[in-house]
Amino acid sequence: MTLSYASPSLCLLCGCKDCREALIWGFKQGGNPPQILPQLLYIRSDIKKIQGLEFLRAFQLRENAKSTRVYCIKCFSILGVDHPGYKNNVFMFFKGFCHTNFDLDIKPSAAIYLKDFPEHLIYEIPDDVDKYWSFANKERERFFMIPEVSNSLREVMIPPEGITFREMILKLPKIEILNLPPN
């Protein structure tokens, strides 16, 4: 994919079971080994050019999933993730799980879903990174007060030069439901 904007606007560390399960599933298919606390990078959803569309497939972990992950079926890299909360403004990808040519040297703004993360590993999260165990009650409100979060996830009025990640998903074969056990 060639993107109109080649710099991520947000980086998060994610402790959720869904991210781990998606990375483990991709690894079992031949992808990169999963990371215990993957870095999620968010980039403007504006794709100017797509090569190899025939090798891309969309998957959801379960029937009731909100996130749709696009994998390359040749190497099982996760190229990106769409979620309704991204408002078709950004898409997410995992640092180290697909080759890119843009600067990925962005500091994490927060560590999220730590309720799912092994407690004995919390010490590995840098002290200067805000920590969120869930998005219940005040946690969600506090999370959206982070400038990088509110700037990345708000709706942008400038139309894309190309197509959005969600529009690309519509060009792919039907989304495959993996029916992984509930977490």
C-alpha atoms as a PDB file:
ATOM      1  CA  MET A   1       0.000   0.000   0.000  1.00  0.00           C
ATOM      2  CA  THR A   2       1.099   3.517  -0.671  1.00  0.00           C
ATOM      3  CA  LEU A   3      -0.338   5.985   1.818  1.00  0.00           C
ATOM      4  CA  SER A   4      -0.956   9.701   1.437  1.00  0.00           C
ATOM      5  CA  TYR A   5       0.345  10.334   4.962  1.00  0.00           C
ATOM      6  CA  ALA A   6       3.378   8.312   5.959  1.00  0.00           C
ATOM      7  CA  SER A   7       3.718   9.128   9.650  1.00  0.00           C
ATOM      8  CA  PRO A   8       1.766   7.459  12.443  1.00  0.00           C
ATOM      9  CA  SER A   9      -0.148   9.893  14.639  1.00  0.00           C
ATOM     10  CA  LEU A  10      -0.490   7.655  17.695  1.00  0.00           C
ATOM     11  CA  CYS A  11       1.308   4.730  19.333  1.00  0.00           C
ATOM     12  CA  LEU A  12      -0.210   2.584  22.078  1.00  0.00           C
ATOM     13  CA  LEU A  13       0.995  -0.512  23.898  1.00  0.00           C
ATOM     14  CA  CYS A  14      -1.786  -3.098  24.067  1.00  0.00           C
ATOM     15  CA  GLY A  15      -2.291  -5.821  26.622  1.00  0.00           C
ATOM     16  CA  CYS A  16      -5.635  -7.105  25.312  1.00  0.00           C
ATOM     17  CA  LYS A  17      -6.351 -10.754  24.608  1.00  0.00           C
ATOM     18  CA  ASP A  18      -7.725  -9.993  21.127  1.00  0.00           C
ATOM     19  CA  CYS A  19      -4.452  -8.488  19.904  1.00  0.00           C
ATOM     20  CA  ARG A  20      -2.499 -11.422  21.328  1.00  0.00           C
ATOM     21  CA  GLU A  21      -4.918 -13.936  19.806  1.00  0.00           C
ATOM     22  CA  ALA A  22      -4.746 -12.262  16.381  1.00  0.00           C
ATOM     23  CA  LEU A  23      -0.945 -12.272  16.455  1.00  0.00           C
ATOM     24  CA  ILE A  24      -0.809 -15.897  17.649  1.00  0.00           C
ATOM     25  CA  TRP A  25      -3.242 -16.950  14.908  1.00  0.00           C
ATOM     26  CA  GLY A  26      -1.124 -15.176  12.273  1.00  0.00           C
ATOM     27  CA  PHE A  27       2.021 -16.822  13.648  1.00  0.00           C
ATOM     28  CA  LYS A  28       0.410 -20.274  13.417  1.00  0.00           C
ATOM     29  CA  GLN A  29      -0.299 -19.519   9.753  1.00  0.00           C
ATOM     30  CA  GLY A  30       3.364 -18.576   9.122  1.00  0.00           C
ATOM     31  CA  GLY A  31       3.589 -14.950  10.286  1.00  0.00           C
ATOM     32  CA  ASN A  32       5.993 -13.288  12.725  1.00  0.00           C
ATOM     33  CA  PRO A  33       6.103 -14.490  16.348  1.00  0.00           C
ATOM     34  CA  PRO A  34       3.688 -12.573  18.603  1.00  0.00           C
ATOM     35  CA  GLN A  35       4.838  -9.975  21.098  1.00  0.00           C
ATOM     36  CA  ILE A  36       3.546 -10.005  24.670  1.00  0.00           C
ATOM     37  CA  LEU A  37       2.831  -6.239  24.593  1.00  0.00           C
ATOM     38  CA  PRO A  38       2.563  -5.186  20.939  1.00  0.00           C
ATOM     39  CA  GLN A  39       2.889  -1.589  19.801  1.00  0.00           C
ATOM     40  CA  LEU A  40      -0.168  -0.351  17.961  1.00  0.00           C
ATOM     41  CA  LEU A  41       0.481   2.393  15.429  1.00  0.00           C
ATOM     42  CA  TYR A  42      -2.344   4.533  14.058  1.00  0.00           C
ATOM     43  CA  ILE A  43      -2.039   6.217  10.699  1.00  0.00           C
ATOM     44  CA  ARG A  44      -4.394   8.276   8.566  1.00  0.00           C
ATOM     45  CA  SER A  45      -6.713   6.055   6.543  1.00  0.00           C
ATOM     46  CA  ASP A  46      -5.830   7.370   3.098  1.00  0.00           C
ATOM     47  CA  ILE A  47      -4.496   4.800   0.638  1.00  0.00           C
ATOM     48  CA  LYS A  48      -3.268   6.106  -2.706  1.00  0.00           C
ATOM     49  CA  LYS A  49      -2.198   2.800  -4.242  1.00  0.00           C
ATOM     50  CA  ILE A  50      -2.588  -0.915  -3.514  1.00  0.00           C
ATOM     51  CA  GLN A  51      -0.413  -3.640  -4.966  1.00  0.00           C
ATOM     52  CA  GLY A  52      -1.150  -7.312  -4.363  1.00  0.00           C
ATOM     53  CA  LEU A  53      -4.797  -6.878  -3.435  1.00  0.00           C
ATOM     54  CA  GLU A  54      -5.317 -10.517  -4.472  1.00  0.00           C
ATOM     55  CA  PHE A  55      -3.114 -11.596  -1.528  1.00  0.00           C
ATOM     56  CA  LEU A  56      -5.080  -9.677   1.112  1.00  0.00           C
ATOM     57  CA  ARG A  57      -7.869 -11.193   3.207  1.00  0.00           C
ATOM     58  CA  ALA A  58     -10.018  -9.757   5.973  1.00  0.00           C
ATOM     59  CA  PHE A  59     -10.643 -11.708   9.176  1.00  0.00           C
ATOM     60  CA  GLN A  60     -12.565 -11.268  12.382  1.00  0.00           C
ATOM     61  CA  LEU A  61     -11.739 -13.307  15.479  1.00  0.00           C
ATOM     62  CA  ARG A  62     -15.360 -14.093  16.377  1.00  0.00           C
ATOM     63  CA  GLU A  63     -18.900 -13.580  15.102  1.00  0.00           C
ATOM     64  CA  ASN A  64     -19.474 -10.538  17.355  1.00  0.00           C
ATOM     65  CA  ALA A  65     -16.094  -8.900  16.625  1.00  0.00           C
ATOM     66  CA  LYS A  66     -15.827  -5.174  16.115  1.00  0.00           C
ATOM     67  CA  SER A  67     -12.293  -5.227  14.661  1.00  0.00           C
ATOM     68  CA  THR A  68     -11.518  -6.431  11.158  1.00  0.00           C
ATOM     69  CA  ARG A  69      -7.898  -7.425  10.536  1.00  0.00           C
ATOM     70  CA  VAL A  70      -6.354  -7.568   7.080  1.00  0.00           C
ATOM     71  CA  TYR A  71      -3.619 -10.157   6.603  1.00  0.00           C
ATOM     72  CA  CYS A  72      -1.379 -10.895   3.648  1.00  0.00           C
ATOM     73  CA  ILE A  73      -2.062 -14.585   2.977  1.00  0.00           C
ATOM     74  CA  LYS A  74       1.442 -15.091   1.546  1.00  0.00           C
ATOM     75  CA  CYS A  75       3.285 -14.219   4.785  1.00  0.00           C
ATOM     76  CA  PHE A  76       0.431 -13.699   7.289  1.00  0.00           C
ATOM     77  CA  SER A  77       1.552 -10.221   8.234  1.00  0.00           C
ATOM     78  CA  ILE A  78      -1.259  -8.107   9.651  1.00  0.00           C
ATOM     79  CA  LEU A  79      -1.351  -5.097   7.355  1.00  0.00           C
ATOM     80  CA  GLY A  80      -3.950  -3.235   9.305  1.00  0.00           C
ATOM     81  CA  VAL A  81      -6.967  -3.232  11.584  1.00  0.00           C
ATOM     82  CA  ASP A  82     -10.236  -1.342  11.249  1.00  0.00           C
ATOM     83  CA  HIS A  83     -12.570  -0.692  14.180  1.00  0.00           C
ATOM     84  CA  PRO A  84     -15.742   1.451  14.307  1.00  0.00           C
ATOM     85  CA  GLY A  85     -14.086   3.609  16.995  1.00  0.00           C
ATOM     86  CA  TYR A  86     -11.503   4.730  14.432  1.00  0.00           C
ATOM     87  CA  LYS A  87     -14.358   6.503  12.584  1.00  0.00           C
ATOM     88  CA  ASN A  88     -12.795   5.588   9.231  1.00  0.00           C
ATOM     89  CA  ASN A  89     -10.214   8.270   9.965  1.00  0.00           C
ATOM     90  CA  VAL A  90      -7.259   6.043  10.881  1.00  0.00           C
ATOM     91  CA  PHE A  91      -6.358   2.394  10.766  1.00  0.00           C
ATOM     92  CA  MET A  92      -4.091   0.532  13.126  1.00  0.00           C
ATOM     93  CA  PHE A  93      -1.172  -1.739  12.444  1.00  0.00           C
ATOM     94  CA  PHE A  94       1.273  -3.610  14.633  1.00  0.00           C
ATOM     95  CA  LYS A  95       4.848  -2.371  14.714  1.00  0.00           C
ATOM     96  CA  GLY A  96       7.129  -5.132  13.475  1.00  0.00           C
ATOM     97  CA  PHE A  97       4.423  -7.166  11.752  1.00  0.00           C
ATOM     98  CA  CYS A  98       4.566  -5.718   8.263  1.00  0.00           C
ATOM     99  CA  HIS A  99       7.299  -4.003   6.305  1.00  0.00           C
ATOM    100  CA  THR A 100       6.954  -0.221   6.033  1.00  0.00           C
ATOM    101  CA  ASN A 101       9.134   2.551   4.728  1.00  0.00           C
ATOM    102  CA  PHE A 102       8.031   5.275   7.109  1.00  0.00           C
ATOM    103  CA  ASP A 103       9.322   6.470  10.440  1.00  0.00           C
ATOM    104  CA  LEU A 104       8.029   4.249  13.248  1.00  0.00           C
ATOM    105  CA  ASP A 105      10.015   5.972  15.961  1.00  0.00           C
ATOM    106  CA  ILE A 106       7.029   7.317  17.861  1.00  0.00           C
ATOM    107  CA  LYS A 107       6.777   7.143  21.648  1.00  0.00           C
ATOM    108  CA  PRO A 108       3.809   5.224  23.116  1.00  0.00           C
ATOM    109  CA  SER A 109       1.176   7.545  24.578  1.00  0.00           C
ATOM    110  CA  ALA A 110      -0.454   4.875  26.738  1.00  0.00           C
ATOM    111  CA  ALA A 111      -0.631   1.194  27.619  1.00  0.00           C
ATOM    112  CA  ILE A 112      -4.204  -0.066  27.288  1.00  0.00           C
ATOM    113  CA  TYR A 113      -6.292  -3.085  28.378  1.00  0.00           C
ATOM    114  CA  LEU A 114      -3.867  -4.028  31.102  1.00  0.00           C
ATOM    115  CA  LYS A 115      -6.608  -6.026  32.869  1.00  0.00           C
ATOM    116  CA  ASP A 116      -5.861  -8.751  30.271  1.00  0.00           C
ATOM    117  CA  PHE A 117      -2.078  -8.430  30.626  1.00  0.00           C
ATOM    118  CA  PRO A 118       0.007 -10.742  32.845  1.00  0.00           C
ATOM    119  CA  GLU A 119       0.406  -8.750  36.070  1.00  0.00           C
ATOM    120  CA  HIS A 120       3.998  -9.847  36.687  1.00  0.00           C
ATOM    121  CA  LEU A 121       5.028  -8.133  33.419  1.00  0.00           C
ATOM    122  CA  ILE A 122       3.603  -4.665  34.210  1.00  0.00           C
ATOM    123  CA  TYR A 123       7.111  -3.573  35.259  1.00  0.00           C
ATOM    124  CA  GLU A 124       8.178  -3.736  31.591  1.00  0.00           C
ATOM    125  CA  ILE A 125       5.988  -0.745  30.743  1.00  0.00           C
ATOM    126  CA  PRO A 126       7.987   2.500  30.968  1.00  0.00           C
ATOM    127  CA  ASP A 127       7.055   4.698  33.935  1.00  0.00           C
ATOM    128  CA  ASP A 128       6.304   7.692  31.691  1.00  0.00           C
ATOM    129  CA  VAL A 129       3.585   5.802  29.759  1.00  0.00           C
ATOM    130  CA  ASP A 130       0.005   6.273  31.051  1.00  0.00           C
ATOM    131  CA  LYS A 131      -1.571   2.965  32.078  1.00  0.00           C
ATOM    132  CA  TYR A 132      -5.216   1.964  31.520  1.00  0.00           C
ATOM    133  CA  TRP A 133      -6.663  -1.284  32.858  1.00  0.00           C
ATOM    134  CA  SER A 134      -9.988  -0.931  31.045  1.00  0.00           C
ATOM    135  CA  PHE A 135     -12.132   1.760  29.502  1.00  0.00           C
ATOM    136  CA  ALA A 136     -14.780   1.663  32.191  1.00  0.00           C
ATOM    137  CA  ASN A 137     -16.063   4.841  33.787  1.00  0.00           C
ATOM    138  CA  LYS A 138     -13.384   7.518  34.235  1.00  0.00           C
ATOM    139  CA  GLU A 139     -10.644   5.500  32.460  1.00  0.00           C
ATOM    140  CA  ARG A 140     -12.206   6.109  29.027  1.00  0.00           C
ATOM    141  CA  GLU A 141     -12.642   9.811  29.736  1.00  0.00           C
ATOM    142  CA  ARG A 142      -9.030  10.097  30.932  1.00  0.00           C
ATOM    143  CA  PHE A 143      -7.776   8.178  27.868  1.00  0.00           C
ATOM    144  CA  PHE A 144      -9.489  10.542  25.430  1.00  0.00           C
ATOM    145  CA  MET A 145      -7.875  13.526  27.160  1.00  0.00           C
ATOM    146  CA  ILE A 146      -4.496  12.432  25.768  1.00  0.00           C
ATOM    147  CA  PRO A 147      -3.930  14.884  22.868  1.00  0.00           C
ATOM    148  CA  GLU A 148      -2.546  12.224  20.473  1.00  0.00           C
ATOM    149  CA  VAL A 149      -5.599  10.048  21.121  1.00  0.00           C
ATOM    150  CA  SER A 150      -8.219  12.744  20.633  1.00  0.00           C
ATOM    151  CA  ASN A 151      -6.408  14.105  17.564  1.00  0.00           C
ATOM    152  CA  SER A 152      -6.052  10.657  15.951  1.00  0.00           C
ATOM    153  CA  LEU A 153      -9.520   9.282  16.638  1.00  0.00           C
ATOM    154  CA  ARG A 154     -11.651  12.330  15.952  1.00  0.00           C
ATOM    155  CA  GLU A 155     -13.417  12.579  12.627  1.00  0.00           C
ATOM    156  CA  VAL A 156     -11.459  14.489  10.007  1.00  0.00           C
ATOM    157  CA  MET A 157     -13.347  16.673   7.580  1.00  0.00           C
ATOM    158  CA  ILE A 158     -10.644  16.598   4.904  1.00  0.00           C
ATOM    159  CA  PRO A 159     -11.575  13.880   2.405  1.00  0.00           C
ATOM    160  CA  PRO A 160      -8.883  11.304   1.611  1.00  0.00           C
ATOM    161  CA  GLU A 161      -6.868  11.653  -1.579  1.00  0.00           C
ATOM    162  CA  GLY A 162      -7.266   7.915  -2.175  1.00  0.00           C
ATOM    163  CA  ILE A 163      -9.489   5.346  -0.484  1.00  0.00           C
ATOM    164  CA  THR A 164      -9.874   4.559   3.195  1.00  0.00           C
ATOM    165  CA  PHE A 165      -8.767   1.299   4.778  1.00  0.00           C
ATOM    166  CA  ARG A 166     -12.441   0.389   5.251  1.00  0.00           C
ATOM    167  CA  GLU A 167     -13.095   0.971   1.538  1.00  0.00           C
ATOM    168  CA  MET A 168     -10.150  -1.322   0.751  1.00  0.00           C
ATOM    169  CA  ILE A 169     -11.705  -4.041   2.932  1.00  0.00           C
ATOM    170  CA  LEU A 170     -14.855  -3.823   0.792  1.00  0.00           C
ATOM    171  CA  LYS A 171     -12.729  -4.700  -2.277  1.00  0.00           C
ATOM    172  CA  LEU A 172     -11.587  -7.953  -0.621  1.00  0.00           C
ATOM    173  CA  PRO A 173     -13.410 -11.299  -0.555  1.00  0.00           C
ATOM    174  CA  LYS A 174     -16.018 -11.700   2.186  1.00  0.00           C
ATOM    175  CA  ILE A 175     -14.679 -11.239   5.734  1.00  0.00           C
ATOM    176  CA  GLU A 176     -13.792 -14.629   7.208  1.00  0.00           C
ATOM    177  CA  ILE A 177     -14.888 -15.298  10.788  1.00  0.00           C
ATOM    178  CA  LEU A 178     -12.244 -17.388  12.605  1.00  0.00           C
ATOM    179  CA  ASN A 179     -14.597 -18.453  15.435  1.00  0.00           C
ATOM    180  CA  LEU A 180     -11.844 -18.438  18.027  1.00  0.00           C
ATOM    181  CA  PRO A 181     -13.103 -19.389  21.508  1.00  0.00           C
ATOM    182  CA  PRO A 182     -14.489 -16.446  23.502  1.00  0.00           C
ATOM    183  CA  ASN A 183     -11.907 -14.782  25.733  1.00  0.00           C
END
